[in-house]
Amino acid sequence: MHMLPSGSNRLSSPRRPLRRLSAELIAIVLAKVAFFALLGWYLTAHYPRPDTHPAAIEHLLAPSASITPETKP
């Protein structure tokens, strides 16, 4: 019988570097996502938030109260 010990080692040895490489790539992608999320939060946190109370929206959408000469009796 002819045994190939190097063949069995050859199949199992590339797995570890590929697993390590994939773990490193996943870590890099997650770090970039976290970085850009924090950067976006930091850049938008300093802008004032608009008033969204119903009274403020009603005031913005209400027709103007200016009186024109055409509407006078």
N, C-alpha and C. Protein backbone atom coordinates (compact mmCIF):
# COMPACT_ATOMS: atom_id res chain seq x y z
N MET A 1 0.83 -1.18 0.00
CA MET A 1 0.00 0.00 0.00
C MET A 1 0.88 1.24 0.00
N HIS A 2 0.40 2.20 -0.75
CA HIS A 2 1.16 3.44 -0.87
C HIS A 2 0.41 4.54 -0.11
N MET A 3 1.04 5.10 0.91
CA MET A 3 0.41 6.16 1.70
C MET A 3 1.01 7.51 1.35
N LEU A 4 0.17 8.51 1.33
CA LEU A 4 0.63 9.86 1.04
C LEU A 4 0.42 10.75 2.27
N PRO A 5 1.37 10.76 3.16
CA PRO A 5 1.19 11.60 4.35
C PRO A 5 1.21 13.09 4.02
N SER A 6 1.95 13.46 2.98
CA SER A 6 2.01 14.88 2.64
C SER A 6 0.68 15.37 2.05
N GLY A 7 -0.05 14.49 1.40
CA GLY A 7 -1.34 14.87 0.81
C GLY A 7 -2.37 15.22 1.86
N SER A 8 -2.39 14.47 2.95
CA SER A 8 -3.36 14.77 4.00
C SER A 8 -2.99 16.04 4.73
N ASN A 9 -1.70 16.31 4.87
CA ASN A 9 -1.28 17.56 5.49
C ASN A 9 -1.56 18.74 4.59
N ARG A 10 -1.46 18.51 3.31
CA ARG A 10 -1.68 19.59 2.35
C ARG A 10 -3.14 20.05 2.38
N LEU A 11 -4.06 19.14 2.63
CA LEU A 11 -5.47 19.51 2.67
C LEU A 11 -5.83 20.27 3.93
N SER A 12 -5.21 19.95 5.04
CA SER A 12 -5.58 20.60 6.30
C SER A 12 -4.78 21.87 6.57
N SER A 13 -3.64 22.04 5.96
CA SER A 13 -2.83 23.21 6.28
C SER A 13 -3.37 24.51 5.70
N PRO A 14 -3.99 24.58 4.50
CA PRO A 14 -4.49 25.88 4.03
C PRO A 14 -5.70 26.38 4.80
N ARG A 15 -6.35 25.50 5.54
CA ARG A 15 -7.55 25.93 6.26
C ARG A 15 -7.25 26.97 7.32
N ARG A 16 -6.20 26.79 8.06
CA ARG A 16 -5.91 27.73 9.15
C ARG A 16 -5.57 29.12 8.63
N PRO A 17 -4.71 29.27 7.64
CA PRO A 17 -4.46 30.64 7.16
C PRO A 17 -5.70 31.29 6.54
N LEU A 18 -6.53 30.49 5.87
CA LEU A 18 -7.76 31.05 5.30
C LEU A 18 -8.74 31.45 6.39
N ARG A 19 -8.82 30.66 7.42
CA ARG A 19 -9.72 30.98 8.53
C ARG A 19 -9.23 32.24 9.24
N ARG A 20 -7.92 32.34 9.43
CA ARG A 20 -7.35 33.52 10.08
C ARG A 20 -7.55 34.77 9.20
N LEU A 21 -7.33 34.60 7.90
CA LEU A 21 -7.52 35.71 6.98
C LEU A 21 -8.97 36.17 6.96
N SER A 22 -9.89 35.23 6.92
CA SER A 22 -11.31 35.61 6.91
C SER A 22 -11.70 36.29 8.21
N ALA A 23 -11.17 35.83 9.34
CA ALA A 23 -11.47 36.48 10.61
C ALA A 23 -10.91 37.90 10.63
N GLU A 24 -9.72 38.10 10.10
CA GLU A 24 -9.14 39.44 10.05
C GLU A 24 -9.94 40.36 9.14
N LEU A 25 -10.37 39.84 7.99
CA LEU A 25 -11.16 40.66 7.07
C LEU A 25 -12.51 41.04 7.67
N ILE A 26 -13.14 40.11 8.36
CA ILE A 26 -14.41 40.41 9.02
C ILE A 26 -14.21 41.46 10.10
N ALA A 27 -13.12 41.35 10.86
CA ALA A 27 -12.83 42.33 11.90
C ALA A 27 -12.59 43.71 11.29
N ILE A 28 -11.88 43.76 10.17
CA ILE A 28 -11.62 45.04 9.51
C ILE A 28 -12.92 45.67 9.01
N VAL A 29 -13.79 44.87 8.40
CA VAL A 29 -15.06 45.39 7.90
C VAL A 29 -15.92 45.89 9.05
N LEU A 30 -16.00 45.15 10.14
CA LEU A 30 -16.79 45.59 11.30
C LEU A 30 -16.21 46.86 11.91
N ALA A 31 -14.89 46.96 11.96
CA ALA A 31 -14.26 48.18 12.49
C ALA A 31 -14.57 49.38 11.61
N LYS A 32 -14.56 49.19 10.29
CA LYS A 32 -14.88 50.29 9.38
C LYS A 32 -16.34 50.71 9.52
N VAL A 33 -17.24 49.75 9.64
CA VAL A 33 -18.66 50.08 9.81
C VAL A 33 -18.86 50.86 11.11
N ALA A 34 -18.23 50.42 12.18
CA ALA A 34 -18.34 51.13 13.46
C ALA A 34 -17.75 52.53 13.35
N PHE A 35 -16.61 52.66 12.68
CA PHE A 35 -15.98 53.97 12.54
C PHE A 35 -16.87 54.93 11.77
N PHE A 36 -17.42 54.49 10.64
CA PHE A 36 -18.25 55.37 9.84
C PHE A 36 -19.58 55.67 10.53
N ALA A 37 -20.11 54.74 11.32
CA ALA A 37 -21.33 55.01 12.08
C ALA A 37 -21.06 56.08 13.13
N LEU A 38 -19.94 55.97 13.85
CA LEU A 38 -19.59 56.98 14.84
C LEU A 38 -19.30 58.32 14.19
N LEU A 39 -18.64 58.31 13.06
CA LEU A 39 -18.35 59.55 12.35
C LEU A 39 -19.65 60.23 11.90
N GLY A 40 -20.57 59.47 11.35
CA GLY A 40 -21.86 60.03 10.94
C GLY A 40 -22.65 60.57 12.12
N TRP A 41 -22.64 59.84 13.23
CA TRP A 41 -23.33 60.32 14.43
C TRP A 41 -22.69 61.62 14.92
N TYR A 42 -21.37 61.68 14.93
CA TYR A 42 -20.68 62.88 15.42
C TYR A 42 -20.99 64.09 14.53
N LEU A 43 -21.01 63.89 13.23
CA LEU A 43 -21.25 65.00 12.32
C LEU A 43 -22.69 65.49 12.36
N THR A 44 -23.64 64.60 12.60
CA THR A 44 -25.04 65.01 12.60
C THR A 44 -25.56 65.37 13.99
N ALA A 45 -24.85 65.05 15.05
CA ALA A 45 -25.34 65.32 16.40
C ALA A 45 -25.34 66.81 16.73
N HIS A 46 -24.55 67.61 16.03
CA HIS A 46 -24.42 69.02 16.37
C HIS A 46 -25.44 69.90 15.64
N TYR A 47 -26.20 69.32 14.72
CA TYR A 47 -27.22 70.10 14.04
C TYR A 47 -28.47 70.19 14.91
N PRO A 48 -29.09 71.37 14.96
CA PRO A 48 -30.31 71.48 15.78
C PRO A 48 -31.45 70.68 15.15
N ARG A 49 -32.22 70.06 15.99
CA ARG A 49 -33.35 69.27 15.50
C ARG A 49 -34.55 70.18 15.28
N PRO A 50 -35.29 69.99 14.20
CA PRO A 50 -36.46 70.84 13.95
C PRO A 50 -37.59 70.53 14.93
N ASP A 51 -38.42 71.53 15.16
CA ASP A 51 -39.56 71.36 16.06
C ASP A 51 -40.64 70.58 15.33
N THR A 52 -40.98 69.41 15.85
CA THR A 52 -41.97 68.56 15.18
C THR A 52 -43.26 68.42 15.99
N HIS A 53 -43.49 69.35 16.91
CA HIS A 53 -44.75 69.32 17.65
C HIS A 53 -45.89 69.65 16.69
N PRO A 54 -47.07 69.12 16.93
CA PRO A 54 -48.19 69.38 16.01
C PRO A 54 -48.49 70.86 15.82
N ALA A 55 -48.35 71.66 16.88
CA ALA A 55 -48.64 73.09 16.75
C ALA A 55 -47.63 73.76 15.82
N ALA A 56 -46.38 73.36 15.88
CA ALA A 56 -45.37 73.95 15.01
C ALA A 56 -45.61 73.55 13.55
N ILE A 57 -46.00 72.31 13.32
CA ILE A 57 -46.30 71.86 11.96
C ILE A 57 -47.53 72.59 11.42
N GLU A 58 -48.54 72.77 12.27
CA GLU A 58 -49.74 73.48 11.85
C GLU A 58 -49.41 74.93 11.49
N HIS A 59 -48.54 75.55 12.26
CA HIS A 59 -48.14 76.93 11.98
C HIS A 59 -47.39 77.02 10.64
N LEU A 60 -46.54 76.04 10.36
CA LEU A 60 -45.79 76.06 9.10
C LEU A 60 -46.69 75.81 7.89
N LEU A 61 -47.71 74.98 8.05
CA LEU A 61 -48.57 74.61 6.92
C LEU A 61 -49.78 75.52 6.76
N ALA A 62 -50.03 76.39 7.73
CA ALA A 62 -51.21 77.25 7.67
C ALA A 62 -51.03 78.30 6.57
N PRO A 63 -52.13 78.70 5.94
CA PRO A 63 -52.02 79.76 4.93
C PRO A 63 -51.64 81.09 5.58
N SER A 64 -51.01 81.93 4.81
CA SER A 64 -50.55 83.20 5.37
C SER A 64 -51.76 84.06 5.73
N ALA A 65 -51.59 84.87 6.75
CA ALA A 65 -52.68 85.70 7.25
C ALA A 65 -52.59 87.11 6.70
N SER A 66 -51.77 87.35 5.71
CA SER A 66 -51.65 88.71 5.16
C SER A 66 -52.92 89.08 4.40
N ILE A 67 -53.32 90.33 4.54
CA ILE A 67 -54.54 90.81 3.89
C ILE A 67 -54.13 91.56 2.63
N THR A 68 -54.68 91.14 1.52
CA THR A 68 -54.40 91.79 0.24
C THR A 68 -55.57 92.72 -0.10
N PRO A 69 -55.36 93.68 -0.94
CA PRO A 69 -56.46 94.59 -1.31
C PRO A 69 -57.65 93.87 -1.92
N GLU A 70 -57.46 92.76 -2.56
CA GLU A 70 -58.56 92.03 -3.18
C GLU A 70 -59.50 91.43 -2.15
N THR A 71 -58.99 91.09 -0.98
CA THR A 71 -59.83 90.42 0.03
C THR A 71 -60.57 91.42 0.91
N LYS A 72 -60.27 92.71 0.85
CA LYS A 72 -60.98 93.69 1.67
C LYS A 72 -62.38 93.91 1.10
N PRO A 73 -63.39 94.11 1.96
CA PRO A 73 -64.76 94.33 1.47
C PRO A 73 -64.96 95.72 0.92
